[in-house]
PDB file of N, CA and C in Angstrom:
ATOM      1  N   UNK A   1     -63.325 -35.707   1.226  1.00  0.00           N
ATOM      2  CA  UNK A   1     -63.775 -34.370   1.325  1.00  0.00           C
ATOM      3  C   UNK A   1     -62.651 -33.353   1.341  1.00  0.00           C
ATOM      4  N   UNK A   2     -61.596 -33.649   1.975  1.00  0.00           N
ATOM      5  CA  UNK A   2     -60.499 -32.694   2.090  1.00  0.00           C
ATOM      6  C   UNK A   2     -59.431 -32.952   1.039  1.00  0.00           C
ATOM      7  N   UNK A   3     -59.879 -33.441  -0.098  1.00  0.00           N
ATOM      8  CA  UNK A   3     -58.900 -33.703  -1.141  1.00  0.00           C
ATOM      9  C   UNK A   3     -58.390 -32.383  -1.691  1.00  0.00           C
ATOM     10  N   UNK A   4     -57.070 -32.299  -1.886  1.00  0.00           N
ATOM     11  CA  UNK A   4     -56.473 -31.082  -2.417  1.00  0.00           C
ATOM     12  C   UNK A   4     -56.178 -30.046  -1.347  1.00  0.00           C
ATOM     13  N   UNK A   5     -56.694 -30.248  -0.181  1.00  0.00           N
ATOM     14  CA  UNK A   5     -56.412 -29.314   0.914  1.00  0.00           C
ATOM     15  C   UNK A   5     -55.344 -29.904   1.811  1.00  0.00           C
ATOM     16  N   UNK A   6     -54.469 -29.026   2.221  1.00  0.00           N
ATOM     17  CA  UNK A   6     -53.448 -29.471   3.165  1.00  0.00           C
ATOM     18  C   UNK A   6     -53.902 -29.094   4.562  1.00  0.00           C
ATOM     19  N   UNK A   7     -53.599 -29.903   5.500  1.00  0.00           N
ATOM     20  CA  UNK A   7     -54.013 -29.581   6.867  1.00  0.00           C
ATOM     21  C   UNK A   7     -53.270 -28.333   7.347  1.00  0.00           C
ATOM     22  N   UNK A   8     -53.915 -27.535   8.140  1.00  0.00           N
ATOM     23  CA  UNK A   8     -53.296 -26.338   8.673  1.00  0.00           C
ATOM     24  C   UNK A   8     -52.234 -26.729   9.688  1.00  0.00           C
ATOM     25  N   UNK A   9     -51.115 -26.003   9.611  1.00  0.00           N
ATOM     26  CA  UNK A   9     -50.029 -26.271  10.551  1.00  0.00           C
ATOM     27  C   UNK A   9     -49.882 -25.067  11.458  1.00  0.00           C
ATOM     28  N   UNK A  10     -49.581 -25.353  12.647  1.00  0.00           N
ATOM     29  CA  UNK A  10     -49.404 -24.278  13.612  1.00  0.00           C
ATOM     30  C   UNK A  10     -47.924 -24.114  13.916  1.00  0.00           C
ATOM     31  N   UNK A  11     -47.523 -22.859  14.097  1.00  0.00           N
ATOM     32  CA  UNK A  11     -46.151 -22.559  14.477  1.00  0.00           C
ATOM     33  C   UNK A  11     -46.121 -22.449  15.992  1.00  0.00           C
ATOM     34  N   UNK A  12     -45.308 -23.288  16.574  1.00  0.00           N
ATOM     35  CA  UNK A  12     -45.212 -23.290  18.026  1.00  0.00           C
ATOM     36  C   UNK A  12     -43.854 -22.720  18.396  1.00  0.00           C
ATOM     37  N   UNK A  13     -43.850 -21.647  19.161  1.00  0.00           N
ATOM     38  CA  UNK A  13     -42.608 -21.028  19.609  1.00  0.00           C
ATOM     39  C   UNK A  13     -42.363 -21.488  21.030  1.00  0.00           C
ATOM     40  N   UNK A  14     -41.249 -22.140  21.193  1.00  0.00           N
ATOM     41  CA  UNK A  14     -40.908 -22.643  22.512  1.00  0.00           C
ATOM     42  C   UNK A  14     -39.825 -21.777  23.123  1.00  0.00           C
ATOM     43  N   UNK A  15     -39.844 -21.697  24.359  1.00  0.00           N
ATOM     44  CA  UNK A  15     -38.812 -20.967  25.079  1.00  0.00           C
ATOM     45  C   UNK A  15     -37.515 -21.754  24.940  1.00  0.00           C
ATOM     46  N   UNK A  16     -36.438 -21.074  24.514  1.00  0.00           N
ATOM     47  CA  UNK A  16     -35.169 -21.784  24.312  1.00  0.00           C
ATOM     48  C   UNK A  16     -34.410 -21.877  25.621  1.00  0.00           C
ATOM     49  N   UNK A  17     -33.515 -22.813  25.657  1.00  0.00           N
ATOM     50  CA  UNK A  17     -32.750 -23.057  26.875  1.00  0.00           C
ATOM     51  C   UNK A  17     -31.706 -21.958  27.072  1.00  0.00           C
ATOM     52  N   UNK A  18     -31.300 -21.708  28.304  1.00  0.00           N
ATOM     53  CA  UNK A  18     -30.274 -20.687  28.568  1.00  0.00           C
ATOM     54  C   UNK A  18     -28.952 -20.992  27.861  1.00  0.00           C
ATOM     55  N   UNK A  19     -28.613 -22.257  27.724  1.00  0.00           N
ATOM     56  CA  UNK A  19     -27.362 -22.631  27.052  1.00  0.00           C
ATOM     57  C   UNK A  19     -27.394 -22.197  25.587  1.00  0.00           C
ATOM     58  N   UNK A  20     -28.541 -22.381  24.942  1.00  0.00           N
ATOM     59  CA  UNK A  20     -28.669 -21.977  23.540  1.00  0.00           C
ATOM     60  C   UNK A  20     -28.556 -20.466  23.409  1.00  0.00           C
ATOM     61  N   UNK A  21     -29.149 -19.748  24.338  1.00  0.00           N
ATOM     62  CA  UNK A  21     -29.056 -18.290  24.322  1.00  0.00           C
ATOM     63  C   UNK A  21     -27.606 -17.845  24.477  1.00  0.00           C
ATOM     64  N   UNK A  22     -26.883 -18.500  25.354  1.00  0.00           N
ATOM     65  CA  UNK A  22     -25.470 -18.153  25.558  1.00  0.00           C
ATOM     66  C   UNK A  22     -24.659 -18.432  24.298  1.00  0.00           C
ATOM     67  N   UNK A  23     -24.894 -19.580  23.690  1.00  0.00           N
ATOM     68  CA  UNK A  23     -24.172 -19.942  22.463  1.00  0.00           C
ATOM     69  C   UNK A  23     -24.444 -18.930  21.356  1.00  0.00           C
ATOM     70  N   UNK A  24     -25.685 -18.558  21.162  1.00  0.00           N
ATOM     71  CA  UNK A  24     -26.041 -17.591  20.125  1.00  0.00           C
ATOM     72  C   UNK A  24     -25.404 -16.239  20.424  1.00  0.00           C
ATOM     73  N   UNK A  25     -25.447 -15.806  21.688  1.00  0.00           N
ATOM     74  CA  UNK A  25     -24.831 -14.534  22.071  1.00  0.00           C
ATOM     75  C   UNK A  25     -23.329 -14.554  21.830  1.00  0.00           C
ATOM     76  N   UNK A  26     -22.676 -15.651  22.205  1.00  0.00           N
ATOM     77  CA  UNK A  26     -21.230 -15.779  21.988  1.00  0.00           C
ATOM     78  C   UNK A  26     -20.923 -15.728  20.490  1.00  0.00           C
ATOM     79  N   UNK A  27     -21.711 -16.407  19.683  1.00  0.00           N
ATOM     80  CA  UNK A  27     -21.493 -16.389  18.231  1.00  0.00           C
ATOM     81  C   UNK A  27     -21.669 -14.982  17.656  1.00  0.00           C
ATOM     82  N   UNK A  28     -22.651 -14.262  18.126  1.00  0.00           N
ATOM     83  CA  UNK A  28     -22.873 -12.898  17.640  1.00  0.00           C
ATOM     84  C   UNK A  28     -21.707 -11.998  18.033  1.00  0.00           C
ATOM     85  N   UNK A  29     -21.270 -12.095  19.292  1.00  0.00           N
ATOM     86  CA  UNK A  29     -20.135 -11.281  19.753  1.00  0.00           C
ATOM     87  C   UNK A  29     -18.872 -11.642  18.984  1.00  0.00           C
ATOM     88  N   UNK A  30     -18.628 -12.930  18.793  1.00  0.00           N
ATOM     89  CA  UNK A  30     -17.459 -13.367  18.033  1.00  0.00           C
ATOM     90  C   UNK A  30     -17.518 -12.853  16.602  1.00  0.00           C
ATOM     91  N   UNK A  31     -18.677 -12.912  15.976  1.00  0.00           N
ATOM     92  CA  UNK A  31     -18.833 -12.423  14.602  1.00  0.00           C
ATOM     93  C   UNK A  31     -18.558 -10.927  14.518  1.00  0.00           C
ATOM     94  N   UNK A  32     -19.058 -10.176  15.492  1.00  0.00           N
ATOM     95  CA  UNK A  32     -18.812  -8.730  15.498  1.00  0.00           C
ATOM     96  C   UNK A  32     -17.325  -8.431  15.670  1.00  0.00           C
ATOM     97  N   UNK A  33     -16.667  -9.183  16.552  1.00  0.00           N
ATOM     98  CA  UNK A  33     -15.226  -8.994  16.760  1.00  0.00           C
ATOM     99  C   UNK A  33     -14.448  -9.340  15.489  1.00  0.00           C
ATOM    100  N   UNK A  34     -14.847 -10.403  14.825  1.00  0.00           N
ATOM    101  CA  UNK A  34     -14.172 -10.805  13.584  1.00  0.00           C
ATOM    102  C   UNK A  34     -14.360  -9.755  12.496  1.00  0.00           C
ATOM    103  N   UNK A  35     -15.563  -9.217  12.370  1.00  0.00           N
ATOM    104  CA  UNK A  35     -15.813  -8.170  11.369  1.00  0.00           C
ATOM    105  C   UNK A  35     -15.014  -6.906  11.672  1.00  0.00           C
ATOM    106  N   UNK A  36     -14.907  -6.557  12.939  1.00  0.00           N
ATOM    107  CA  UNK A  36     -14.111  -5.394  13.330  1.00  0.00           C
ATOM    108  C   UNK A  36     -12.642  -5.616  12.992  1.00  0.00           C
ATOM    109  N   UNK A  37     -12.139  -6.797  13.290  1.00  0.00           N
ATOM    110  CA  UNK A  37     -10.750  -7.120  12.979  1.00  0.00           C
ATOM    111  C   UNK A  37     -10.514  -7.077  11.472  1.00  0.00           C
ATOM    112  N   UNK A  38     -11.428  -7.606  10.702  1.00  0.00           N
ATOM    113  CA  UNK A  38     -11.284  -7.579   9.245  1.00  0.00           C
ATOM    114  C   UNK A  38     -11.289  -6.148   8.711  1.00  0.00           C
ATOM    115  N   UNK A  39     -12.133  -5.299   9.278  1.00  0.00           N
ATOM    116  CA  UNK A  39     -12.158  -3.897   8.851  1.00  0.00           C
ATOM    117  C   UNK A  39     -10.841  -3.222   9.176  1.00  0.00           C
ATOM    118  N   UNK A  40     -10.276  -3.516  10.331  1.00  0.00           N
ATOM    119  CA  UNK A  40      -8.982  -2.942  10.713  1.00  0.00           C
ATOM    120  C   UNK A  40      -7.877  -3.423   9.769  1.00  0.00           C
ATOM    121  N   UNK A  41      -7.864  -4.706   9.466  1.00  0.00           N
ATOM    122  CA  UNK A  41      -6.862  -5.269   8.554  1.00  0.00           C
ATOM    123  C   UNK A  41      -7.014  -4.649   7.170  1.00  0.00           C
ATOM    124  N   UNK A  42      -8.230  -4.489   6.718  1.00  0.00           N
ATOM    125  CA  UNK A  42      -8.482  -3.893   5.403  1.00  0.00           C
ATOM    126  C   UNK A  42      -7.929  -2.470   5.351  1.00  0.00           C
ATOM    127  N   UNK A  43      -8.169  -1.688   6.403  1.00  0.00           N
ATOM    128  CA  UNK A  43      -7.646  -0.326   6.458  1.00  0.00           C
ATOM    129  C   UNK A  43      -6.129  -0.314   6.462  1.00  0.00           C
ATOM    130  N   UNK A  44      -5.536  -1.231   7.188  1.00  0.00           N
ATOM    131  CA  UNK A  44      -4.080  -1.334   7.243  1.00  0.00           C
ATOM    132  C   UNK A  44      -3.508  -1.687   5.876  1.00  0.00           C
ATOM    133  N   UNK A  45      -4.140  -2.606   5.193  1.00  0.00           N
ATOM    134  CA  UNK A  45      -3.671  -3.011   3.864  1.00  0.00           C
ATOM    135  C   UNK A  45      -3.799  -1.855   2.881  1.00  0.00           C
ATOM    136  N   UNK A  46      -4.901  -1.119   2.951  1.00  0.00           N
ATOM    137  CA  UNK A  46      -5.068   0.044   2.067  1.00  0.00           C
ATOM    138  C   UNK A  46      -3.969   1.068   2.304  1.00  0.00           C
ATOM    139  N   UNK A  47      -3.633   1.284   3.563  1.00  0.00           N
ATOM    140  CA  UNK A  47      -2.575   2.231   3.903  1.00  0.00           C
ATOM    141  C   UNK A  47      -1.235   1.762   3.327  1.00  0.00           C
ATOM    142  N   UNK A  48      -0.957   0.483   3.450  1.00  0.00           N
ATOM    143  CA  UNK A  48       0.291  -0.068   2.911  1.00  0.00           C
ATOM    144  C   UNK A  48       0.326   0.049   1.389  1.00  0.00           C
ATOM    145  N   UNK A  49      -0.803  -0.190   0.743  1.00  0.00           N
ATOM    146  CA  UNK A  49      -0.866  -0.086  -0.720  1.00  0.00           C
ATOM    147  C   UNK A  49      -0.577   1.348  -1.157  1.00  0.00           C
ATOM    148  N   UNK A  50      -1.159   2.323  -0.458  1.00  0.00           N
ATOM    149  CA  UNK A  50      -0.913   3.732  -0.798  1.00  0.00           C
ATOM    150  C   UNK A  50       0.553   4.088  -0.595  1.00  0.00           C
ATOM    151  N   UNK A  51       1.155   3.610   0.491  1.00  0.00           N
ATOM    152  CA  UNK A  51       2.579   3.860   0.735  1.00  0.00           C
ATOM    153  C   UNK A  51       3.429   3.263  -0.380  1.00  0.00           C
ATOM    154  N   UNK A  52       3.099   2.047  -0.781  1.00  0.00           N
ATOM    155  CA  UNK A  52       3.864   1.382  -1.841  1.00  0.00           C
ATOM    156  C   UNK A  52       3.675   2.078  -3.186  1.00  0.00           C
ATOM    157  N   UNK A  53       2.486   2.601  -3.441  1.00  0.00           N
ATOM    158  CA  UNK A  53       2.269   3.341  -4.693  1.00  0.00           C
ATOM    159  C   UNK A  53       3.093   4.618  -4.724  1.00  0.00           C
ATOM    160  N   UNK A  54       3.145   5.334  -3.571  1.00  0.00           N
ATOM    161  CA  UNK A  54       3.972   6.544  -3.507  1.00  0.00           C
ATOM    162  C   UNK A  54       5.452   6.207  -3.705  1.00  0.00           C
ATOM    163  N   UNK A  55       5.884   5.131  -3.064  1.00  0.00           N
ATOM    164  CA  UNK A  55       7.275   4.706  -3.198  1.00  0.00           C
ATOM    165  C   UNK A  55       7.588   4.315  -4.646  1.00  0.00           C
ATOM    166  N   UNK A  56       6.663   3.624  -5.287  1.00  0.00           N
ATOM    167  CA  UNK A  56       6.861   3.220  -6.686  1.00  0.00           C
ATOM    168  C   UNK A  56       6.947   4.443  -7.594  1.00  0.00           C
ATOM    169  N   UNK A  57       6.114   5.456  -7.337  1.00  0.00           N
ATOM    170  CA  UNK A  57       6.152   6.678  -8.148  1.00  0.00           C
ATOM    171  C   UNK A  57       7.488   7.398  -7.969  1.00  0.00           C
ATOM    172  N   UNK A  58       7.990   7.442  -6.726  1.00  0.00           N
ATOM    173  CA  UNK A  58       9.284   8.079  -6.471  1.00  0.00           C
ATOM    174  C   UNK A  58      10.409   7.318  -7.169  1.00  0.00           C
ATOM    175  N   UNK A  59      10.348   6.003  -7.126  1.00  0.00           N
ATOM    176  CA  UNK A  59      11.372   5.188  -7.792  1.00  0.00           C
ATOM    177  C   UNK A  59      11.300   5.344  -9.309  1.00  0.00           C
ATOM    178  N   UNK A  60      10.108   5.461  -9.838  1.00  0.00           N
ATOM    179  CA  UNK A  60       9.946   5.669 -11.279  1.00  0.00           C
ATOM    180  C   UNK A  60      10.572   6.996 -11.694  1.00  0.00           C
ATOM    181  N   UNK A  61      10.354   8.033 -10.881  1.00  0.00           N
ATOM    182  CA  UNK A  61      10.952   9.348 -11.164  1.00  0.00           C
ATOM    183  C   UNK A  61      12.480   9.255 -11.118  1.00  0.00           C
ATOM    184  N   UNK A  62      12.995   8.564 -10.110  1.00  0.00           N
ATOM    185  CA  UNK A  62      14.452   8.395  -9.996  1.00  0.00           C
ATOM    186  C   UNK A  62      14.995   7.613 -11.193  1.00  0.00           C
ATOM    187  N   UNK A  63      14.272   6.587 -11.624  1.00  0.00           N
ATOM    188  CA  UNK A  63      14.693   5.808 -12.795  1.00  0.00           C
ATOM    189  C   UNK A  63      14.754   6.678 -14.052  1.00  0.00           C
ATOM    190  N   UNK A  64      13.766   7.564 -14.211  1.00  0.00           N
ATOM    191  CA  UNK A  64      13.765   8.448 -15.378  1.00  0.00           C
ATOM    192  C   UNK A  64      14.960   9.400 -15.346  1.00  0.00           C
ATOM    193  N   UNK A  65      15.271   9.936 -14.157  1.00  0.00           N
ATOM    194  CA  UNK A  65      16.417  10.832 -14.031  1.00  0.00           C
ATOM    195  C   UNK A  65      17.724  10.096 -14.315  1.00  0.00           C
ATOM    196  N   UNK A  66      17.843   8.870 -13.803  1.00  0.00           N
ATOM    197  CA  UNK A  66      19.050   8.073 -14.060  1.00  0.00           C
ATOM    198  C   UNK A  66      19.165   7.708 -15.542  1.00  0.00           C
ATOM    199  N   UNK A  67      18.031   7.435 -16.182  1.00  0.00           N
ATOM    200  CA  UNK A  67      18.065   7.115 -17.610  1.00  0.00           C
ATOM    201  C   UNK A  67      18.538   8.319 -18.420  1.00  0.00           C
ATOM    202  N   UNK A  68      18.122   9.525 -18.031  1.00  0.00           N
ATOM    203  CA  UNK A  68      18.594  10.736 -18.707  1.00  0.00           C
ATOM    204  C   UNK A  68      20.098  10.881 -18.562  1.00  0.00           C
ATOM    205  N   UNK A  69      20.602  10.597 -17.347  1.00  0.00           N
ATOM    206  CA  UNK A  69      22.057  10.671 -17.133  1.00  0.00           C
ATOM    207  C   UNK A  69      22.787   9.647 -17.993  1.00  0.00           C
ATOM    208  N   UNK A  70      22.234   8.453 -18.080  1.00  0.00           N
ATOM    209  CA  UNK A  70      22.853   7.400 -18.904  1.00  0.00           C
ATOM    210  C   UNK A  70      22.868   7.824 -20.365  1.00  0.00           C
ATOM    211  N   UNK A  71      21.762   8.399 -20.832  1.00  0.00           N
ATOM    212  CA  UNK A  71      21.668   8.825 -22.224  1.00  0.00           C
ATOM    213  C   UNK A  71      22.677   9.931 -22.541  1.00  0.00           C
ATOM    214  N   UNK A  72      23.018  10.763 -21.557  1.00  0.00           N
ATOM    215  CA  UNK A  72      23.932  11.881 -21.778  1.00  0.00           C
ATOM    216  C   UNK A  72      25.383  11.548 -21.469  1.00  0.00           C
ATOM    217  N   UNK A  73      25.698  10.324 -21.073  1.00  0.00           N
ATOM    218  CA  UNK A  73      27.053   9.978 -20.663  1.00  0.00           C
ATOM    219  C   UNK A  73      28.096  10.172 -21.766  1.00  0.00           C
ATOM    220  N   UNK A  74      27.751   9.948 -22.977  1.00  0.00           N
ATOM    221  CA  UNK A  74      28.724  10.037 -24.061  1.00  0.00           C
ATOM    222  C   UNK A  74      29.001  11.454 -24.544  1.00  0.00           C
ATOM    223  N   UNK A  75      28.228  12.434 -24.104  1.00  0.00           N
ATOM    224  CA  UNK A  75      28.405  13.794 -24.606  1.00  0.00           C
ATOM    225  C   UNK A  75      29.627  14.456 -23.961  1.00  0.00           C
ATOM    226  N   UNK A  76      30.204  15.425 -24.679  1.00  0.00           N
ATOM    227  CA  UNK A  76      31.378  16.154 -24.194  1.00  0.00           C
ATOM    228  C   UNK A  76      31.026  16.905 -22.907  1.00  0.00           C
ATOM    229  N   UNK A  77      29.866  17.518 -22.886  1.00  0.00           N
ATOM    230  CA  UNK A  77      29.444  18.266 -21.697  1.00  0.00           C
ATOM    231  C   UNK A  77      29.341  17.347 -20.479  1.00  0.00           C
ATOM    232  N   UNK A  78      28.843  16.150 -20.669  1.00  0.00           N
ATOM    233  CA  UNK A  78      28.705  15.192 -19.580  1.00  0.00           C
ATOM    234  C   UNK A  78      30.070  14.799 -19.028  1.00  0.00           C
ATOM    235  N   UNK A  79      31.025  14.544 -19.925  1.00  0.00           N
ATOM    236  CA  UNK A  79      32.385  14.180 -19.505  1.00  0.00           C
ATOM    237  C   UNK A  79      33.015  15.330 -18.731  1.00  0.00           C
ATOM    238  N   UNK A  80      32.832  16.556 -19.194  1.00  0.00           N
ATOM    239  CA  UNK A  80      33.383  17.719 -18.499  1.00  0.00           C
ATOM    240  C   UNK A  80      32.742  17.881 -17.121  1.00  0.00           C
ATOM    241  N   UNK A  81      31.424  17.682 -17.027  1.00  0.00           N
ATOM    242  CA  UNK A  81      30.740  17.805 -15.747  1.00  0.00           C
ATOM    243  C   UNK A  81      31.244  16.774 -14.739  1.00  0.00           C
ATOM    244  N   UNK A  82      31.429  15.542 -15.196  1.00  0.00           N
ATOM    245  CA  UNK A  82      31.935  14.487 -14.318  1.00  0.00           C
ATOM    246  C   UNK A  82      33.355  14.804 -13.871  1.00  0.00           C
ATOM    247  N   UNK A  83      34.206  15.249 -14.803  1.00  0.00           N
ATOM    248  CA  UNK A  83      35.592  15.589 -14.471  1.00  0.00           C
ATOM    249  C   UNK A  83      35.639  16.722 -13.443  1.00  0.00           C
ATOM    250  N   UNK A  84      34.792  17.703 -13.607  1.00  0.00           N
ATOM    251  CA  UNK A  84      34.788  18.857 -12.699  1.00  0.00           C
ATOM    252  C   UNK A  84      34.193  18.490 -11.332  1.00  0.00           C
ATOM    253  N   UNK A  85      33.055  17.831 -11.312  1.00  0.00           N
ATOM    254  CA  UNK A  85      32.337  17.572 -10.064  1.00  0.00           C
ATOM    255  C   UNK A  85      32.922  16.415  -9.255  1.00  0.00           C
ATOM    256  N   UNK A  86      33.333  15.357  -9.922  1.00  0.00           N
ATOM    257  CA  UNK A  86      33.767  14.173  -9.192  1.00  0.00           C
ATOM    258  C   UNK A  86      35.288  14.067  -9.066  1.00  0.00           C
ATOM    259  N   UNK A  87      36.022  14.615 -10.031  1.00  0.00           N
ATOM    260  CA  UNK A  87      37.476  14.490 -10.008  1.00  0.00           C
ATOM    261  C   UNK A  87      38.180  15.790  -9.642  1.00  0.00           C
ATOM    262  N   UNK A  88      37.445  16.890  -9.618  1.00  0.00           N
ATOM    263  CA  UNK A  88      38.039  18.183  -9.254  1.00  0.00           C
ATOM    264  C   UNK A  88      38.891  18.787 -10.361  1.00  0.00           C
ATOM    265  N   UNK A  89      38.735  18.312 -11.582  1.00  0.00           N
ATOM    266  CA  UNK A  89      39.518  18.833 -12.692  1.00  0.00           C
ATOM    267  C   UNK A  89      38.860  20.094 -13.247  1.00  0.00           C
ATOM    268  N   UNK A  90      39.673  20.937 -13.883  1.00  0.00           N
ATOM    269  CA  UNK A  90      39.149  22.151 -14.498  1.00  0.00           C
ATOM    270  C   UNK A  90      39.604  22.218 -15.942  1.00  0.00           C
ATOM    271  N   UNK A  91      38.916  23.008 -16.717  1.00  0.00           N
ATOM    272  CA  UNK A  91      39.255  23.215 -18.117  1.00  0.00           C
ATOM    273  C   UNK A  91      40.622  23.894 -18.177  1.00  0.00           C
ATOM    274  N   UNK A  92      41.483  23.528 -19.131  1.00  0.00           N
ATOM    275  CA  UNK A  92      42.815  24.134 -19.218  1.00  0.00           C
ATOM    276  C   UNK A  92      42.757  25.657 -19.422  1.00  0.00           C
ATOM    277  N   UNK A  93      41.686  26.171 -19.994  1.00  0.00           N
ATOM    278  CA  UNK A  93      41.577  27.605 -20.249  1.00  0.00           C
ATOM    279  C   UNK A  93      40.976  28.364 -19.061  1.00  0.00           C
ATOM    280  N   UNK A  94      40.722  27.663 -17.963  1.00  0.00           N
ATOM    281  CA  UNK A  94      40.112  28.287 -16.794  1.00  0.00           C
ATOM    282  C   UNK A  94      41.194  28.648 -15.786  1.00  0.00           C
ATOM    283  N   UNK A  95      41.113  29.863 -15.241  1.00  0.00           N
ATOM    284  CA  UNK A  95      42.043  30.297 -14.204  1.00  0.00           C
ATOM    285  C   UNK A  95      41.390  30.021 -12.863  1.00  0.00           C
ATOM    286  N   UNK A  96      42.092  29.274 -12.013  1.00  0.00           N
ATOM    287  CA  UNK A  96      41.568  28.913 -10.707  1.00  0.00           C
ATOM    288  C   UNK A  96      42.263  29.779  -9.659  1.00  0.00           C
ATOM    289  N   UNK A  97      41.484  30.456  -8.851  1.00  0.00           N
ATOM    290  CA  UNK A  97      42.027  31.281  -7.781  1.00  0.00           C
ATOM    291  C   UNK A  97      41.617  30.640  -6.464  1.00  0.00           C
ATOM    292  N   UNK A  98      42.619  30.282  -5.682  1.00  0.00           N
ATOM    293  CA  UNK A  98      42.335  29.653  -4.383  1.00  0.00           C
ATOM    294  C   UNK A  98      42.743  30.623  -3.289  1.00  0.00           C
ATOM    295  N   UNK A  99      41.895  30.830  -2.308  1.00  0.00           N
ATOM    296  CA  UNK A  99      42.269  31.724  -1.220  1.00  0.00           C
ATOM    297  C   UNK A  99      43.367  31.119  -0.355  1.00  0.00           C
ATOM    298  N   UNK A 100      44.201  31.977   0.204  1.00  0.00           N
ATOM    299  CA  UNK A 100      45.269  31.490   1.079  1.00  0.00           C
ATOM    300  C   UNK A 100      44.677  31.128   2.429  1.00  0.00           C
ATOM    301  N   UNK A 101      45.274  30.135   3.010  1.00  0.00           N
ATOM    302  CA  UNK A 101      44.775  29.718   4.312  1.00  0.00           C
ATOM    303  C   UNK A 101      45.664  30.181   5.414  1.00  0.00           C
TER     304      UNK A 101
END
């Protein structure tokens, strides 16, 4: 008579033991602490990435400026600038007036 029919099943909810409640609570608290720590680490890493990107951009700018100096090293103007700024030399046609001390 009951062919094709499955017997009805009842869901029985039992009161759980205090130990199980403690374990579940500890797991939930631990999970929340772990998620908070991960969020903090993620924020820290993002901050470091932004700092490194700024540093990389500054270094790229410095590299471009140094490359311009390298490209201009062979020019007469570049040689004169180096002689004047780093060696203290002056053009032979320039009159230098030094104040008395």
